[in-house]
Amino acid sequence: MAGSIAADEVLALAGPLRAGAHLQGTPVGRRLGGGAAATGLPLLYAGHEVAIVTAVGDDETGAWLVQELARAGAATGGVARVQGSSTHSLVLLDPRGERTVVNLHRCREPEPPERLLRLPADCLYVRSRDLEMAPLIAERARMCRVVAHVPPVAAGARRAHVLLASASDLAPEALANPWALGREIAGDVLEWFVVTRGMAGAEAYSSDRKLSVGAASVEVADTTGAGDAFAAGLVHALVSGAPMEGALRTAVAWGTASVGCRSSVLPRSEVERLLSAA
């Protein structure tokens, strides 16, 4: 698992965001977030061994992030401590549960994490926009299955077997032919390009197939981390041997469950409920 872990400072808004408005807000507090945590911890709760490769700063926030990962049961040996501030985000949550994330600082390692190549793994999930990771990802793709998030949208940026993107992150012309875009990004190793569409569900494209799964209706509490919960469900199902049809259904179920929880990470209790209902 390669990506970020972040301290999410949550602010509950009394009304929806509007340009030029004066809004009332209530601090909710700090919680563990970031793509690697929000994908890795649900996988851990589902019984998988999860190694997170990321970096935190040498500040108090970095110590807290590592402590929170360890408290959840995650191994922290892949977490590098670097000089400076840790990744820190402000999450604005409106009364409908819709979130707006303001990235206050992103912690980055000075060099791509070569230790990624030394980790024994059946599957690597990448949630990073860093183009510099492309050679490491291509090397790992020769060693195990790779699932990678898009963006970045660049030729050869993510040599992965499965690409995952939100429709909101893709240009309209890209959505007209996702498979062609996926082949440009991943090359000939690509098997599936998965596109999420929020509460409308998700689609998966291969060279000759298109799969679609709709999402069940749910009362929205907090959309933070829903895409990461979707990714966790997808990886869980794929490494458990499910075909893409079943993996897409599982991913949609996990993402849908996430929006009903006030958390940046799908809680253990929800993962256990989803597993028992499967």
C-alpha atoms as a PDB file:
ATOM      1  CA  MET A   1       0.000   0.000   0.000  1.00  0.00           C
ATOM      2  CA  ALA A   2       1.620   3.241  -1.133  1.00  0.00           C
ATOM      3  CA  GLY A   3       0.015   6.592  -0.430  1.00  0.00           C
ATOM      4  CA  SER A   4      -0.473   9.230   2.218  1.00  0.00           C
ATOM      5  CA  ILE A   5      -1.633   9.249   5.800  1.00  0.00           C
ATOM      6  CA  ALA A   6      -3.023  12.529   7.028  1.00  0.00           C
ATOM      7  CA  ALA A   7      -4.373  14.317  10.042  1.00  0.00           C
ATOM      8  CA  ASP A   8      -7.891  15.409   9.080  1.00  0.00           C
ATOM      9  CA  GLU A   9      -9.159  18.419  11.025  1.00  0.00           C
ATOM     10  CA  VAL A  10     -12.942  18.270  10.603  1.00  0.00           C
ATOM     11  CA  LEU A  11     -15.197  21.314  10.667  1.00  0.00           C
ATOM     12  CA  ALA A  12     -18.978  20.770  10.558  1.00  0.00           C
ATOM     13  CA  LEU A  13     -20.674  23.583   8.634  1.00  0.00           C
ATOM     14  CA  ALA A  14     -24.121  24.904   9.508  1.00  0.00           C
ATOM     15  CA  GLY A  15     -24.951  25.338   5.806  1.00  0.00           C
ATOM     16  CA  PRO A  16     -23.651  24.448   2.340  1.00  0.00           C
ATOM     17  CA  LEU A  17     -20.533  26.085   0.949  1.00  0.00           C
ATOM     18  CA  ARG A  18     -21.346  29.203  -1.063  1.00  0.00           C
ATOM     19  CA  ALA A  19     -18.963  31.664  -2.653  1.00  0.00           C
ATOM     20  CA  GLY A  20     -18.812  34.881  -0.649  1.00  0.00           C
ATOM     21  CA  ALA A  21     -20.935  33.546   2.218  1.00  0.00           C
ATOM     22  CA  HIS A  22     -20.267  33.828   5.968  1.00  0.00           C
ATOM     23  CA  LEU A  23     -20.791  30.346   7.408  1.00  0.00           C
ATOM     24  CA  GLN A  24     -21.041  29.037  10.944  1.00  0.00           C
ATOM     25  CA  GLY A  25     -18.856  26.052  11.719  1.00  0.00           C
ATOM     26  CA  THR A  26     -18.239  23.716  14.651  1.00  0.00           C
ATOM     27  CA  PRO A  27     -14.877  21.989  15.153  1.00  0.00           C
ATOM     28  CA  VAL A  28     -15.344  18.202  15.252  1.00  0.00           C
ATOM     29  CA  GLY A  29     -11.732  17.307  16.022  1.00  0.00           C
ATOM     30  CA  ARG A  30      -8.781  15.502  14.490  1.00  0.00           C
ATOM     31  CA  ARG A  31      -9.022  12.059  12.919  1.00  0.00           C
ATOM     32  CA  LEU A  32      -6.807   9.728  10.928  1.00  0.00           C
ATOM     33  CA  GLY A  33      -7.202  10.088   7.169  1.00  0.00           C
ATOM     34  CA  GLY A  34      -5.312   9.977   3.889  1.00  0.00           C
ATOM     35  CA  GLY A  35      -5.634   7.502   1.038  1.00  0.00           C
ATOM     36  CA  ALA A  36      -3.260   4.866   2.412  1.00  0.00           C
ATOM     37  CA  ALA A  37      -4.931   4.795   5.824  1.00  0.00           C
ATOM     38  CA  ALA A  38      -8.486   4.928   4.460  1.00  0.00           C
ATOM     39  CA  THR A  39      -7.771   2.022   2.096  1.00  0.00           C
ATOM     40  CA  GLY A  40      -5.315   0.032   4.180  1.00  0.00           C
ATOM     41  CA  LEU A  41      -7.168  -0.102   7.490  1.00  0.00           C
ATOM     42  CA  PRO A  42     -10.418  -1.582   6.090  1.00  0.00           C
ATOM     43  CA  LEU A  43      -8.286  -4.248   4.395  1.00  0.00           C
ATOM     44  CA  LEU A  44      -6.611  -4.907   7.733  1.00  0.00           C
ATOM     45  CA  TYR A  45     -10.032  -5.195   9.397  1.00  0.00           C
ATOM     46  CA  ALA A  46     -10.997  -7.709   6.696  1.00  0.00           C
ATOM     47  CA  GLY A  47      -8.148  -9.978   7.755  1.00  0.00           C
ATOM     48  CA  HIS A  48      -5.436  -9.062   5.246  1.00  0.00           C
ATOM     49  CA  GLU A  49      -1.813  -8.346   6.089  1.00  0.00           C
ATOM     50  CA  VAL A  50      -1.250  -4.715   5.145  1.00  0.00           C
ATOM     51  CA  ALA A  51       2.053  -2.848   4.887  1.00  0.00           C
ATOM     52  CA  ILE A  52       1.765   0.912   4.380  1.00  0.00           C
ATOM     53  CA  VAL A  53       4.599   2.720   2.608  1.00  0.00           C
ATOM     54  CA  THR A  54       4.348   6.425   3.320  1.00  0.00           C
ATOM     55  CA  ALA A  55       6.115   9.332   4.996  1.00  0.00           C
ATOM     56  CA  VAL A  56       5.275  11.576   7.935  1.00  0.00           C
ATOM     57  CA  GLY A  57       7.069  14.610   9.288  1.00  0.00           C
ATOM     58  CA  ASP A  58       9.190  14.822  12.412  1.00  0.00           C
ATOM     59  CA  ASP A  59       6.498  16.869  14.159  1.00  0.00           C
ATOM     60  CA  GLU A  60       3.897  16.003  16.802  1.00  0.00           C
ATOM     61  CA  THR A  61       1.369  15.249  14.077  1.00  0.00           C
ATOM     62  CA  GLY A  62       3.677  12.636  12.574  1.00  0.00           C
ATOM     63  CA  ALA A  63       4.075  10.903  15.919  1.00  0.00           C
ATOM     64  CA  TRP A  64       0.291  10.941  16.373  1.00  0.00           C
ATOM     65  CA  LEU A  65      -0.306   9.486  12.895  1.00  0.00           C
ATOM     66  CA  VAL A  66       2.101   6.591  13.500  1.00  0.00           C
ATOM     67  CA  GLN A  67       0.512   5.990  16.906  1.00  0.00           C
ATOM     68  CA  GLU A  68      -2.976   5.890  15.371  1.00  0.00           C
ATOM     69  CA  LEU A  69      -1.876   3.403  12.716  1.00  0.00           C
ATOM     70  CA  ALA A  70      -0.300   1.166  15.345  1.00  0.00           C
ATOM     71  CA  ARG A  71      -3.384   1.448  17.560  1.00  0.00           C
ATOM     72  CA  ALA A  72      -5.500   0.193  14.664  1.00  0.00           C
ATOM     73  CA  GLY A  73      -3.187  -2.807  14.321  1.00  0.00           C
ATOM     74  CA  ALA A  74      -1.217  -1.743  11.246  1.00  0.00           C
ATOM     75  CA  ALA A  75       2.509  -2.402  10.870  1.00  0.00           C
ATOM     76  CA  THR A  76       4.395   0.892  10.753  1.00  0.00           C
ATOM     77  CA  GLY A  77       7.804  -0.314   9.544  1.00  0.00           C
ATOM     78  CA  GLY A  78       7.190   1.184   6.092  1.00  0.00           C
ATOM     79  CA  VAL A  79       6.513   4.662   7.468  1.00  0.00           C
ATOM     80  CA  ALA A  80       9.470   6.994   6.955  1.00  0.00           C
ATOM     81  CA  ARG A  81      10.042  10.032   9.178  1.00  0.00           C
ATOM     82  CA  VAL A  82      11.263  13.034   7.219  1.00  0.00           C
ATOM     83  CA  GLN A  83      12.163  16.554   8.231  1.00  0.00           C
ATOM     84  CA  GLY A  84       9.291  19.018   8.254  1.00  0.00           C
ATOM     85  CA  SER A  85       5.524  18.927   8.660  1.00  0.00           C
ATOM     86  CA  SER A  86       3.224  15.940   8.229  1.00  0.00           C
ATOM     87  CA  THR A  87       0.323  15.797   5.802  1.00  0.00           C
ATOM     88  CA  HIS A  88      -2.504  17.868   7.234  1.00  0.00           C
ATOM     89  CA  SER A  89      -5.959  18.558   5.767  1.00  0.00           C
ATOM     90  CA  LEU A  90      -9.003  20.589   6.678  1.00  0.00           C
ATOM     91  CA  VAL A  91     -12.253  18.727   6.000  1.00  0.00           C
ATOM     92  CA  LEU A  92     -15.329  20.944   5.630  1.00  0.00           C
ATOM     93  CA  LEU A  93     -18.464  18.859   6.162  1.00  0.00           C
ATOM     94  CA  ASP A  94     -21.798  20.368   5.162  1.00  0.00           C
ATOM     95  CA  PRO A  95     -25.204  19.363   6.613  1.00  0.00           C
ATOM     96  CA  ARG A  96     -25.835  16.945   3.708  1.00  0.00           C
ATOM     97  CA  GLY A  97     -22.639  15.038   4.523  1.00  0.00           C
ATOM     98  CA  GLU A  98     -20.768  16.354   1.492  1.00  0.00           C
ATOM     99  CA  ARG A  99     -17.153  17.112   2.197  1.00  0.00           C
ATOM    100  CA  THR A 100     -14.662  19.611   0.833  1.00  0.00           C
ATOM    101  CA  VAL A 101     -11.006  18.836   1.552  1.00  0.00           C
ATOM    102  CA  VAL A 102      -8.457  21.637   1.830  1.00  0.00           C
ATOM    103  CA  ASN A 103      -4.900  20.275   1.775  1.00  0.00           C
ATOM    104  CA  LEU A 104      -2.873  22.447   4.138  1.00  0.00           C
ATOM    105  CA  HIS A 105       0.377  20.535   3.700  1.00  0.00           C
ATOM    106  CA  ARG A 106       1.567  17.406   1.894  1.00  0.00           C
ATOM    107  CA  CYS A 107       4.523  15.490   3.295  1.00  0.00           C
ATOM    108  CA  ARG A 108       6.803  14.030   0.632  1.00  0.00           C
ATOM    109  CA  GLU A 109       9.938  11.952   0.727  1.00  0.00           C
ATOM    110  CA  PRO A 110      12.927  13.477  -1.087  1.00  0.00           C
ATOM    111  CA  GLU A 111      13.262  10.331  -3.245  1.00  0.00           C
ATOM    112  CA  PRO A 112      10.800   7.660  -4.456  1.00  0.00           C
ATOM    113  CA  PRO A 113      10.406   4.915  -1.801  1.00  0.00           C
ATOM    114  CA  GLU A 114      12.714   2.148  -3.063  1.00  0.00           C
ATOM    115  CA  ARG A 115      11.687   0.015  -0.046  1.00  0.00           C
ATOM    116  CA  LEU A 116       8.466  -0.611  -1.959  1.00  0.00           C
ATOM    117  CA  LEU A 117      10.348  -3.156  -4.063  1.00  0.00           C
ATOM    118  CA  ARG A 118      11.490  -5.155  -1.034  1.00  0.00           C
ATOM    119  CA  LEU A 119       8.071  -5.769   0.487  1.00  0.00           C
ATOM    120  CA  PRO A 120       6.609  -9.244  -0.081  1.00  0.00           C
ATOM    121  CA  ALA A 121       3.084  -8.744  -1.419  1.00  0.00           C
ATOM    122  CA  ASP A 122       0.406 -10.419  -3.499  1.00  0.00           C
ATOM    123  CA  CYS A 123      -1.021  -7.036  -4.472  1.00  0.00           C
ATOM    124  CA  LEU A 124       0.153  -3.425  -4.440  1.00  0.00           C
ATOM    125  CA  TYR A 125      -2.321  -0.560  -4.228  1.00  0.00           C
ATOM    126  CA  VAL A 126      -1.013   2.896  -5.163  1.00  0.00           C
ATOM    127  CA  ARG A 127      -2.790   6.111  -4.170  1.00  0.00           C
ATOM    128  CA  SER A 128      -0.301   8.794  -5.145  1.00  0.00           C
ATOM    129  CA  ARG A 129      -0.058  11.514  -7.777  1.00  0.00           C
ATOM    130  CA  ASP A 130       3.755  11.442  -7.849  1.00  0.00           C
ATOM    131  CA  LEU A 131       4.962  10.784 -11.378  1.00  0.00           C
ATOM    132  CA  GLU A 132       8.381   9.864  -9.986  1.00  0.00           C
ATOM    133  CA  MET A 133       6.917   6.581  -8.724  1.00  0.00           C
ATOM    134  CA  ALA A 134       6.278   5.285 -12.245  1.00  0.00           C
ATOM    135  CA  PRO A 135       9.473   3.152 -12.507  1.00  0.00           C
ATOM    136  CA  LEU A 136       8.844   1.542  -9.095  1.00  0.00           C
ATOM    137  CA  ILE A 137       5.254   0.733 -10.014  1.00  0.00           C
ATOM    138  CA  ALA A 138       6.325  -0.781 -13.332  1.00  0.00           C
ATOM    139  CA  GLU A 139       8.859  -2.979 -11.525  1.00  0.00           C
ATOM    140  CA  ARG A 140       6.266  -4.117  -8.980  1.00  0.00           C
ATOM    141  CA  ALA A 141       3.866  -4.967 -11.811  1.00  0.00           C
ATOM    142  CA  ARG A 142       6.344  -7.658 -12.849  1.00  0.00           C
ATOM    143  CA  MET A 143       6.230  -9.075  -9.313  1.00  0.00           C
ATOM    144  CA  CYS A 144       2.552  -8.943  -8.309  1.00  0.00           C
ATOM    145  CA  ARG A 145      -0.833  -7.540  -9.200  1.00  0.00           C
ATOM    146  CA  VAL A 146      -0.934  -3.732  -9.092  1.00  0.00           C
ATOM    147  CA  VAL A 147      -4.041  -1.611  -8.582  1.00  0.00           C
ATOM    148  CA  ALA A 148      -3.380   2.096  -9.031  1.00  0.00           C
ATOM    149  CA  HIS A 149      -5.412   5.251  -8.646  1.00  0.00           C
ATOM    150  CA  VAL A 150      -5.710   7.847 -11.399  1.00  0.00           C
ATOM    151  CA  PRO A 151      -4.648  10.689 -11.613  1.00  0.00           C
ATOM    152  CA  PRO A 152      -1.900  11.118 -12.657  1.00  0.00           C
ATOM    153  CA  VAL A 153      -3.154  10.975 -16.231  1.00  0.00           C
ATOM    154  CA  ALA A 154       0.031  10.648 -18.269  1.00  0.00           C
ATOM    155  CA  ALA A 155       1.400   8.097 -20.698  1.00  0.00           C
ATOM    156  CA  GLY A 156       3.098   5.266 -18.812  1.00  0.00           C
ATOM    157  CA  ALA A 157       2.461   6.876 -15.415  1.00  0.00           C
ATOM    158  CA  ARG A 158       0.850   3.826 -13.806  1.00  0.00           C
ATOM    159  CA  ARG A 159       1.807   0.440 -15.268  1.00  0.00           C
ATOM    160  CA  ALA A 160      -0.951  -1.354 -13.392  1.00  0.00           C
ATOM    161  CA  HIS A 161      -3.220  -4.306 -14.006  1.00  0.00           C
ATOM    162  CA  VAL A 162      -6.224  -2.394 -12.659  1.00  0.00           C
ATOM    163  CA  LEU A 163      -6.706   1.369 -12.800  1.00  0.00           C
ATOM    164  CA  LEU A 164      -9.226   3.149 -10.598  1.00  0.00           C
ATOM    165  CA  ALA A 165     -10.521   6.694 -11.128  1.00  0.00           C
ATOM    166  CA  SER A 166     -13.382   8.931 -10.085  1.00  0.00           C
ATOM    167  CA  ALA A 167     -15.426  10.253 -13.002  1.00  0.00           C
ATOM    168  CA  SER A 168     -15.086  13.722 -11.469  1.00  0.00           C
ATOM    169  CA  ASP A 169     -11.288  13.524 -11.979  1.00  0.00           C
ATOM    170  CA  LEU A 170     -11.524  12.716 -15.699  1.00  0.00           C
ATOM    171  CA  ALA A 171     -12.160  15.026 -18.629  1.00  0.00           C
ATOM    172  CA  PRO A 172     -15.391  14.448 -20.634  1.00  0.00           C
ATOM    173  CA  GLU A 173     -13.410  13.233 -23.650  1.00  0.00           C
ATOM    174  CA  ALA A 174     -11.657  10.654 -21.460  1.00  0.00           C
ATOM    175  CA  LEU A 175     -14.984   9.296 -20.247  1.00  0.00           C
ATOM    176  CA  ALA A 176     -15.986   8.744 -23.873  1.00  0.00           C
ATOM    177  CA  ASN A 177     -13.368   5.961 -24.112  1.00  0.00           C
ATOM    178  CA  PRO A 178     -11.970   4.984 -20.688  1.00  0.00           C
ATOM    179  CA  TRP A 179     -10.279   1.856 -22.000  1.00  0.00           C
ATOM    180  CA  ALA A 180      -8.212   3.826 -24.507  1.00  0.00           C
ATOM    181  CA  LEU A 181      -7.167   6.260 -21.773  1.00  0.00           C
ATOM    182  CA  GLY A 182      -6.305   3.363 -19.470  1.00  0.00           C
ATOM    183  CA  ARG A 183      -4.088   1.708 -22.075  1.00  0.00           C
ATOM    184  CA  GLU A 184      -2.232   4.989 -22.527  1.00  0.00           C
ATOM    185  CA  ILE A 185      -1.621   5.280 -18.781  1.00  0.00           C
ATOM    186  CA  ALA A 186      -0.918   1.606 -17.959  1.00  0.00           C
ATOM    187  CA  GLY A 187       0.221   0.044 -21.212  1.00  0.00           C
ATOM    188  CA  ASP A 188      -0.463  -3.504 -22.314  1.00  0.00           C
ATOM    189  CA  VAL A 189      -0.573  -4.959 -18.784  1.00  0.00           C
ATOM    190  CA  LEU A 190      -3.938  -3.291 -18.138  1.00  0.00           C
ATOM    191  CA  GLU A 191      -6.821  -5.676 -17.518  1.00  0.00           C
ATOM    192  CA  TRP A 192      -9.521  -3.332 -16.181  1.00  0.00           C
ATOM    193  CA  PHE A 193     -10.199   0.387 -15.852  1.00  0.00           C
ATOM    194  CA  VAL A 194     -12.693   1.064 -13.044  1.00  0.00           C
ATOM    195  CA  VAL A 195     -14.575   4.390 -12.907  1.00  0.00           C
ATOM    196  CA  THR A 196     -16.570   5.427  -9.839  1.00  0.00           C
ATOM    197  CA  ARG A 197     -19.593   7.702 -10.136  1.00  0.00           C
ATOM    198  CA  GLY A 198     -20.476   8.484  -6.526  1.00  0.00           C
ATOM    199  CA  MET A 199     -23.958   7.414  -5.513  1.00  0.00           C
ATOM    200  CA  ALA A 200     -24.616   6.322  -9.117  1.00  0.00           C
ATOM    201  CA  GLY A 201     -22.316   3.329  -8.607  1.00  0.00           C
ATOM    202  CA  ALA A 202     -19.358   2.313 -10.745  1.00  0.00           C
ATOM    203  CA  GLU A 203     -18.292   0.860 -14.076  1.00  0.00           C
ATOM    204  CA  ALA A 204     -15.413  -1.378 -15.158  1.00  0.00           C
ATOM    205  CA  TYR A 205     -14.001  -1.486 -18.689  1.00  0.00           C
ATOM    206  CA  SER A 206     -11.827  -4.115 -20.338  1.00  0.00           C
ATOM    207  CA  SER A 207     -10.778  -4.501 -23.955  1.00  0.00           C
ATOM    208  CA  ASP A 208     -14.129  -6.062 -24.847  1.00  0.00           C
ATOM    209  CA  ARG A 209     -16.484  -5.645 -21.861  1.00  0.00           C
ATOM    210  CA  LYS A 210     -18.244  -3.014 -19.803  1.00  0.00           C
ATOM    211  CA  LEU A 211     -19.648  -3.835 -16.357  1.00  0.00           C
ATOM    212  CA  SER A 212     -21.962  -1.567 -14.353  1.00  0.00           C
ATOM    213  CA  VAL A 213     -23.112  -1.746 -10.722  1.00  0.00           C
ATOM    214  CA  GLY A 214     -25.536   0.706  -9.143  1.00  0.00           C
ATOM    215  CA  ALA A 215     -25.338   1.871  -5.539  1.00  0.00           C
ATOM    216  CA  ALA A 216     -28.024   1.247  -2.936  1.00  0.00           C
ATOM    217  CA  SER A 217     -29.784   4.209  -1.386  1.00  0.00           C
ATOM    218  CA  VAL A 218     -28.299   5.269   1.938  1.00  0.00           C
ATOM    219  CA  GLU A 219     -28.607   8.210   4.296  1.00  0.00           C
ATOM    220  CA  VAL A 220     -25.431  10.222   3.765  1.00  0.00           C
ATOM    221  CA  ALA A 221     -23.528  11.169   6.910  1.00  0.00           C
ATOM    222  CA  ASP A 222     -20.022  11.881   5.596  1.00  0.00           C
ATOM    223  CA  THR A 223     -18.610  11.322   2.105  1.00  0.00           C
ATOM    224  CA  THR A 224     -14.991  11.598   3.298  1.00  0.00           C
ATOM    225  CA  GLY A 225     -12.984   8.529   2.284  1.00  0.00           C
ATOM    226  CA  ALA A 226     -15.795   6.885   0.304  1.00  0.00           C
ATOM    227  CA  GLY A 227     -13.552   6.410  -2.724  1.00  0.00           C
ATOM    228  CA  ASP A 228     -10.873   4.846  -0.546  1.00  0.00           C
ATOM    229  CA  ALA A 229     -13.419   2.470   1.007  1.00  0.00           C
ATOM    230  CA  PHE A 230     -14.469   1.529  -2.545  1.00  0.00           C
ATOM    231  CA  ALA A 231     -10.819   0.799  -3.380  1.00  0.00           C
ATOM    232  CA  ALA A 232     -10.461  -1.338  -0.250  1.00  0.00           C
ATOM    233  CA  GLY A 233     -13.497  -3.381  -1.193  1.00  0.00           C
ATOM    234  CA  LEU A 234     -12.203  -3.836  -4.727  1.00  0.00           C
ATOM    235  CA  VAL A 235      -8.750  -4.984  -3.590  1.00  0.00           C
ATOM    236  CA  HIS A 236     -10.243  -7.258  -0.920  1.00  0.00           C
ATOM    237  CA  ALA A 237     -12.432  -9.029  -3.458  1.00  0.00           C
ATOM    238  CA  LEU A 238      -9.737  -9.321  -6.133  1.00  0.00           C
ATOM    239  CA  VAL A 239      -7.085 -10.788  -3.826  1.00  0.00           C
ATOM    240  CA  SER A 240      -9.751 -13.133  -2.436  1.00  0.00           C
ATOM    241  CA  GLY A 241     -10.197 -14.556  -5.939  1.00  0.00           C
ATOM    242  CA  ALA A 242     -13.384 -12.829  -7.073  1.00  0.00           C
ATOM    243  CA  PRO A 243     -13.852 -11.996 -10.766  1.00  0.00           C
ATOM    244  CA  MET A 244     -14.308  -8.330 -11.631  1.00  0.00           C
ATOM    245  CA  GLU A 245     -18.098  -8.676 -11.634  1.00  0.00           C
ATOM    246  CA  GLY A 246     -18.104  -9.701  -7.973  1.00  0.00           C
ATOM    247  CA  ALA A 247     -15.266  -7.338  -7.040  1.00  0.00           C
ATOM    248  CA  LEU A 248     -17.170  -4.367  -8.454  1.00  0.00           C
ATOM    249  CA  ARG A 249     -20.266  -5.273  -6.422  1.00  0.00           C
ATOM    250  CA  THR A 250     -18.173  -5.586  -3.270  1.00  0.00           C
ATOM    251  CA  ALA A 251     -16.425  -2.273  -3.920  1.00  0.00           C
ATOM    252  CA  VAL A 252     -19.706  -0.426  -4.428  1.00  0.00           C
ATOM    253  CA  ALA A 253     -21.102  -1.952  -1.219  1.00  0.00           C
ATOM    254  CA  TRP A 254     -18.057  -0.832   0.799  1.00  0.00           C
ATOM    255  CA  GLY A 255     -18.077   2.657  -0.696  1.00  0.00           C
ATOM    256  CA  THR A 256     -21.801   3.021  -0.058  1.00  0.00           C
ATOM    257  CA  ALA A 257     -21.420   1.868   3.549  1.00  0.00           C
ATOM    258  CA  SER A 258     -18.687   4.447   4.058  1.00  0.00           C
ATOM    259  CA  VAL A 259     -20.910   7.455   3.349  1.00  0.00           C
ATOM    260  CA  GLY A 260     -23.223   6.385   6.170  1.00  0.00           C
ATOM    261  CA  CYS A 261     -20.382   6.686   8.721  1.00  0.00           C
ATOM    262  CA  ARG A 262     -18.960   9.861  10.233  1.00  0.00           C
ATOM    263  CA  SER A 263     -15.359   8.874   9.703  1.00  0.00           C
ATOM    264  CA  SER A 264     -12.487   9.282   7.236  1.00  0.00           C
ATOM    265  CA  VAL A 265     -11.863   5.511   7.489  1.00  0.00           C
ATOM    266  CA  LEU A 266     -14.499   2.776   7.127  1.00  0.00           C
ATOM    267  CA  PRO A 267     -14.870   1.500  10.714  1.00  0.00           C
ATOM    268  CA  ARG A 268     -14.008  -2.053  11.733  1.00  0.00           C
ATOM    269  CA  SER A 269     -17.632  -2.709  12.747  1.00  0.00           C
ATOM    270  CA  GLU A 270     -18.834  -1.806   9.235  1.00  0.00           C
ATOM    271  CA  VAL A 271     -16.214  -4.024   7.585  1.00  0.00           C
ATOM    272  CA  GLU A 272     -17.285  -6.927   9.788  1.00  0.00           C
ATOM    273  CA  ARG A 273     -20.946  -6.284   8.918  1.00  0.00           C
ATOM    274  CA  LEU A 274     -20.157  -6.198   5.194  1.00  0.00           C
ATOM    275  CA  LEU A 275     -18.188  -9.446   5.416  1.00  0.00           C
ATOM    276  CA  SER A 276     -20.969 -11.217   7.281  1.00  0.00           C
ATOM    277  CA  ALA A 277     -23.564 -10.005   4.740  1.00  0.00           C
ATOM    278  CA  ALA A 278     -21.523 -11.118   1.715  1.00  0.00           C
END
